[in-house]
């Protein structure tokens, strides 16, 4: 999935488990 986030900065709070972790991993895979 290409979200167009390469080179962007994202802040995810509560990213140690659950939904926050999934969001953080997806953003990292997208290059954010």
Protein backbone atom coordinates (compact mmCIF):
# COMPACT_ATOMS: atom_id res chain seq x y z
CA UNK A 1 0.00 0.00 0.00
CA UNK A 2 1.45 3.39 -0.98
CA UNK A 3 0.26 6.09 1.38
CA UNK A 4 2.68 8.71 0.01
CA UNK A 5 4.41 9.13 3.38
CA UNK A 6 8.05 8.65 2.33
CA UNK A 7 10.25 11.19 4.10
CA UNK A 8 7.44 12.49 6.31
CA UNK A 9 7.47 12.59 10.11
CA UNK A 10 4.76 10.90 12.15
CA UNK A 11 4.15 10.89 15.90
CA UNK A 12 2.27 7.88 17.26
CA UNK A 13 1.41 7.89 20.97
CA UNK A 14 0.93 4.60 22.78
CA UNK A 15 2.76 2.54 20.17
CA UNK A 16 4.00 -0.29 22.41
CA UNK A 17 1.09 -2.65 21.73
CA UNK A 18 -2.27 -2.97 20.05
CA UNK A 19 -3.50 -0.50 17.46
CA UNK A 20 -0.76 2.05 18.12
CA UNK A 21 1.93 -0.54 17.42
CA UNK A 22 0.25 -1.60 14.18
CA UNK A 23 0.02 2.03 13.06
CA UNK A 24 3.67 2.67 13.94
CA UNK A 25 4.82 -0.43 12.04
CA UNK A 26 2.77 0.51 8.97
CA UNK A 27 4.12 4.06 8.98
CA UNK A 28 7.67 2.74 9.28
CA UNK A 29 7.12 0.39 6.35
CA UNK A 30 5.87 3.36 4.32
CA UNK A 31 9.06 5.28 5.07
CA UNK A 32 7.61 7.83 7.48
